[in-house]
N, C-alpha and C. Protein backbone atom coordinates (compact mmCIF):
# COMPACT_ATOMS: atom_id res chain seq x y z
N MET A 1 -10.12 4.72 -15.24
CA MET A 1 -9.45 4.19 -14.08
C MET A 1 -10.43 3.96 -12.95
N ALA A 2 -11.44 4.80 -12.83
CA ALA A 2 -12.40 4.65 -11.74
C ALA A 2 -13.12 3.31 -11.83
N ALA A 3 -13.33 2.82 -13.05
CA ALA A 3 -14.00 1.53 -13.21
C ALA A 3 -13.15 0.40 -12.67
N VAL A 4 -11.84 0.56 -12.67
CA VAL A 4 -10.95 -0.46 -12.13
C VAL A 4 -10.78 -0.29 -10.62
N ALA A 5 -10.62 0.94 -10.17
CA ALA A 5 -10.32 1.20 -8.76
C ALA A 5 -11.54 1.08 -7.86
N LEU A 6 -12.71 1.47 -8.33
CA LEU A 6 -13.88 1.53 -7.47
C LEU A 6 -14.25 0.19 -6.85
N PRO A 7 -14.33 -0.90 -7.61
CA PRO A 7 -14.64 -2.18 -6.94
C PRO A 7 -13.60 -2.58 -5.91
N SER A 8 -12.33 -2.30 -6.18
CA SER A 8 -11.28 -2.64 -5.23
C SER A 8 -11.38 -1.81 -3.96
N LEU A 9 -11.73 -0.55 -4.10
CA LEU A 9 -11.83 0.33 -2.94
C LEU A 9 -13.04 0.01 -2.08
N LEU A 10 -14.07 -0.57 -2.69
CA LEU A 10 -15.28 -0.91 -1.93
C LEU A 10 -15.22 -2.31 -1.34
N TYR A 11 -14.24 -3.09 -1.70
CA TYR A 11 -14.11 -4.45 -1.20
C TYR A 11 -13.52 -4.42 0.20
N GLN A 12 -14.13 -5.10 1.17
CA GLN A 12 -13.73 -4.97 2.57
C GLN A 12 -12.58 -5.89 2.97
N ASN A 13 -12.15 -6.79 2.14
CA ASN A 13 -11.10 -7.73 2.49
C ASN A 13 -9.73 -7.13 2.18
N SER A 14 -8.80 -7.26 3.10
CA SER A 14 -7.45 -6.73 2.87
C SER A 14 -6.51 -7.76 2.25
N GLY A 15 -6.94 -8.98 2.11
CA GLY A 15 -6.08 -10.01 1.53
C GLY A 15 -5.46 -10.92 2.56
N TRP A 16 -5.95 -10.90 3.77
CA TRP A 16 -5.56 -11.72 4.91
C TRP A 16 -4.19 -11.36 5.41
N LEU A 17 -3.23 -12.26 5.43
CA LEU A 17 -1.95 -12.04 6.11
C LEU A 17 -0.95 -11.41 5.15
N GLN A 18 -0.84 -10.09 5.22
CA GLN A 18 0.06 -9.37 4.33
C GLN A 18 0.29 -7.97 4.87
N PHE A 19 1.27 -7.30 4.33
CA PHE A 19 1.50 -5.90 4.65
C PHE A 19 1.07 -5.08 3.44
N GLY A 20 0.22 -4.12 3.67
CA GLY A 20 -0.24 -3.27 2.58
C GLY A 20 -1.55 -3.74 1.99
N TYR A 21 -2.02 -3.00 1.01
CA TYR A 21 -3.30 -3.27 0.38
C TYR A 21 -3.05 -3.82 -1.02
N ARG A 22 -3.06 -5.13 -1.17
CA ARG A 22 -2.64 -5.75 -2.43
C ARG A 22 -3.58 -5.46 -3.59
N PHE A 23 -4.82 -5.11 -3.31
CA PHE A 23 -5.76 -4.85 -4.39
C PHE A 23 -5.46 -3.53 -5.09
N ALA A 24 -4.62 -2.68 -4.51
CA ALA A 24 -4.21 -1.44 -5.17
C ALA A 24 -3.34 -1.73 -6.39
N LEU A 25 -2.74 -2.90 -6.44
CA LEU A 25 -1.91 -3.27 -7.59
C LEU A 25 -2.73 -3.38 -8.87
N ASP A 26 -4.05 -3.58 -8.74
CA ASP A 26 -4.90 -3.67 -9.91
C ASP A 26 -4.96 -2.37 -10.69
N TYR A 27 -4.88 -1.25 -10.01
CA TYR A 27 -4.99 0.04 -10.70
C TYR A 27 -3.74 0.91 -10.54
N MET A 28 -2.71 0.41 -9.89
CA MET A 28 -1.50 1.20 -9.68
C MET A 28 -0.81 1.57 -11.00
N VAL A 29 -0.79 0.65 -11.96
CA VAL A 29 -0.17 0.92 -13.25
C VAL A 29 -0.90 2.06 -13.95
N LEU A 30 -2.22 2.04 -13.90
CA LEU A 30 -2.99 3.11 -14.53
C LEU A 30 -2.75 4.45 -13.84
N LEU A 31 -2.61 4.43 -12.54
CA LEU A 31 -2.35 5.66 -11.79
C LEU A 31 -1.00 6.26 -12.15
N VAL A 32 0.02 5.43 -12.23
CA VAL A 32 1.36 5.90 -12.60
C VAL A 32 1.35 6.40 -14.05
N LEU A 33 0.62 5.71 -14.92
CA LEU A 33 0.51 6.14 -16.32
C LEU A 33 -0.15 7.51 -16.43
N LEU A 34 -1.20 7.73 -15.66
CA LEU A 34 -1.86 9.04 -15.67
C LEU A 34 -0.94 10.14 -15.16
N LEU A 35 -0.15 9.84 -14.15
CA LEU A 35 0.82 10.83 -13.66
C LEU A 35 1.88 11.14 -14.72
N ALA A 36 2.32 10.11 -15.44
CA ALA A 36 3.34 10.31 -16.47
C ALA A 36 2.79 11.10 -17.65
N ILE A 37 1.56 10.80 -18.05
CA ILE A 37 0.96 11.49 -19.19
C ILE A 37 0.67 12.95 -18.86
N GLY A 38 0.33 13.22 -17.60
CA GLY A 38 -0.01 14.58 -17.19
C GLY A 38 1.10 15.57 -17.45
N GLY A 39 2.33 15.16 -17.31
CA GLY A 39 3.46 16.01 -17.63
C GLY A 39 3.74 17.11 -16.63
N ARG A 40 3.03 17.17 -15.52
CA ARG A 40 3.29 18.19 -14.51
C ARG A 40 4.48 17.78 -13.66
N PRO A 41 5.38 18.70 -13.40
CA PRO A 41 6.51 18.35 -12.54
C PRO A 41 6.05 18.15 -11.09
N LEU A 42 6.72 17.25 -10.41
CA LEU A 42 6.39 17.01 -9.01
C LEU A 42 6.97 18.13 -8.15
N GLY A 43 6.18 18.61 -7.24
CA GLY A 43 6.64 19.64 -6.32
C GLY A 43 7.29 19.00 -5.10
N ARG A 44 7.62 19.83 -4.14
CA ARG A 44 8.26 19.36 -2.92
C ARG A 44 7.34 18.42 -2.14
N VAL A 45 6.05 18.76 -2.10
CA VAL A 45 5.10 17.93 -1.36
C VAL A 45 4.96 16.55 -2.01
N GLY A 46 4.88 16.51 -3.32
CA GLY A 46 4.77 15.24 -4.03
C GLY A 46 5.98 14.35 -3.82
N LYS A 47 7.15 14.93 -3.90
CA LYS A 47 8.38 14.16 -3.68
C LYS A 47 8.48 13.66 -2.24
N THR A 48 8.04 14.50 -1.30
CA THR A 48 8.06 14.09 0.11
C THR A 48 7.10 12.93 0.35
N LEU A 49 5.90 13.00 -0.22
CA LEU A 49 4.93 11.91 -0.06
C LEU A 49 5.41 10.62 -0.70
N ILE A 50 6.08 10.71 -1.84
CA ILE A 50 6.65 9.52 -2.47
C ILE A 50 7.73 8.91 -1.59
N ALA A 51 8.59 9.74 -1.02
CA ALA A 51 9.65 9.25 -0.13
C ALA A 51 9.07 8.60 1.12
N ILE A 52 8.01 9.19 1.69
CA ILE A 52 7.37 8.60 2.87
C ILE A 52 6.73 7.26 2.52
N GLY A 53 6.07 7.19 1.37
CA GLY A 53 5.47 5.93 0.93
C GLY A 53 6.51 4.83 0.72
N ILE A 54 7.63 5.18 0.13
CA ILE A 54 8.71 4.21 -0.06
C ILE A 54 9.25 3.74 1.28
N ALA A 55 9.42 4.67 2.23
CA ALA A 55 9.94 4.31 3.55
C ALA A 55 8.98 3.38 4.30
N ILE A 56 7.69 3.67 4.24
CA ILE A 56 6.70 2.82 4.92
C ILE A 56 6.67 1.43 4.32
N ASN A 57 6.68 1.33 3.00
CA ASN A 57 6.64 0.02 2.36
C ASN A 57 7.95 -0.74 2.54
N LEU A 58 9.07 -0.04 2.59
CA LEU A 58 10.34 -0.71 2.87
C LEU A 58 10.35 -1.27 4.28
N PHE A 59 9.83 -0.48 5.24
CA PHE A 59 9.70 -0.96 6.61
C PHE A 59 8.85 -2.23 6.66
N GLY A 60 7.72 -2.22 5.98
CA GLY A 60 6.85 -3.40 5.97
C GLY A 60 7.51 -4.60 5.31
N ALA A 61 8.23 -4.36 4.23
CA ALA A 61 8.88 -5.47 3.54
C ALA A 61 9.98 -6.10 4.39
N VAL A 62 10.68 -5.28 5.16
CA VAL A 62 11.78 -5.79 5.98
C VAL A 62 11.27 -6.45 7.26
N THR A 63 10.25 -5.89 7.89
CA THR A 63 9.84 -6.35 9.21
C THR A 63 8.69 -7.35 9.21
N PHE A 64 7.86 -7.37 8.20
CA PHE A 64 6.67 -8.21 8.23
C PHE A 64 7.05 -9.68 8.25
N ALA A 65 6.48 -10.42 9.18
CA ALA A 65 6.72 -11.86 9.37
C ALA A 65 8.14 -12.16 9.83
N ARG A 66 8.89 -11.14 10.25
CA ARG A 66 10.23 -11.36 10.77
C ARG A 66 10.41 -10.79 12.17
N HIS A 67 9.86 -9.61 12.40
CA HIS A 67 10.03 -8.91 13.68
C HIS A 67 8.66 -8.72 14.32
N ASN A 68 8.32 -9.60 15.23
CA ASN A 68 6.98 -9.62 15.80
C ASN A 68 6.69 -8.44 16.72
N GLN A 69 7.70 -7.72 17.19
CA GLN A 69 7.44 -6.63 18.11
C GLN A 69 6.69 -5.47 17.45
N PHE A 70 6.68 -5.41 16.13
CA PHE A 70 5.99 -4.33 15.43
C PHE A 70 4.54 -4.66 15.10
N TYR A 71 4.12 -5.91 15.29
CA TYR A 71 2.78 -6.35 14.90
C TYR A 71 2.15 -7.17 16.02
N ARG A 72 0.86 -6.96 16.25
CA ARG A 72 0.12 -7.77 17.23
C ARG A 72 -0.43 -9.00 16.53
N ARG A 73 -0.29 -10.15 17.17
CA ARG A 73 -0.78 -11.42 16.61
C ARG A 73 -1.64 -12.14 17.63
N ASP A 74 -2.59 -12.93 17.14
CA ASP A 74 -3.38 -13.74 18.06
C ASP A 74 -2.68 -15.08 18.27
N ASP A 75 -3.35 -16.02 18.93
CA ASP A 75 -2.74 -17.32 19.25
C ASP A 75 -2.41 -18.15 18.02
N TYR A 76 -3.03 -17.83 16.87
CA TYR A 76 -2.80 -18.59 15.65
C TYR A 76 -1.75 -17.94 14.75
N GLY A 77 -1.18 -16.83 15.20
CA GLY A 77 -0.16 -16.16 14.41
C GLY A 77 -0.73 -15.15 13.43
N VAL A 78 -2.04 -14.89 13.49
CA VAL A 78 -2.67 -13.97 12.58
C VAL A 78 -2.54 -12.55 13.15
N ILE A 79 -2.15 -11.60 12.31
CA ILE A 79 -1.99 -10.23 12.75
C ILE A 79 -3.38 -9.63 13.00
N ILE A 80 -3.51 -8.96 14.15
CA ILE A 80 -4.78 -8.32 14.48
C ILE A 80 -4.55 -6.82 14.65
N ARG A 81 -5.63 -6.07 14.60
CA ARG A 81 -5.53 -4.61 14.72
C ARG A 81 -5.15 -4.22 16.14
N HIS A 82 -4.48 -3.08 16.25
CA HIS A 82 -4.14 -2.53 17.57
C HIS A 82 -5.36 -1.94 18.22
């Protein structure tokens, strides 16, 4: 998995106008597969982190490119860092 994830993690481009890090999709399947094969039950911390991740991505999916008050944009409509 490191051979797949390492180039993506070292790449400085976020994919331009989007919410989230789209290059993580390249190795996300392998990561979920490793978690499933491991067979360890998820604890309270793991379940909480999964719920927080789902909430953050749901927020981004609902608000991105729809509700400008949550994102700073320049004169061309490109989102810029705070």
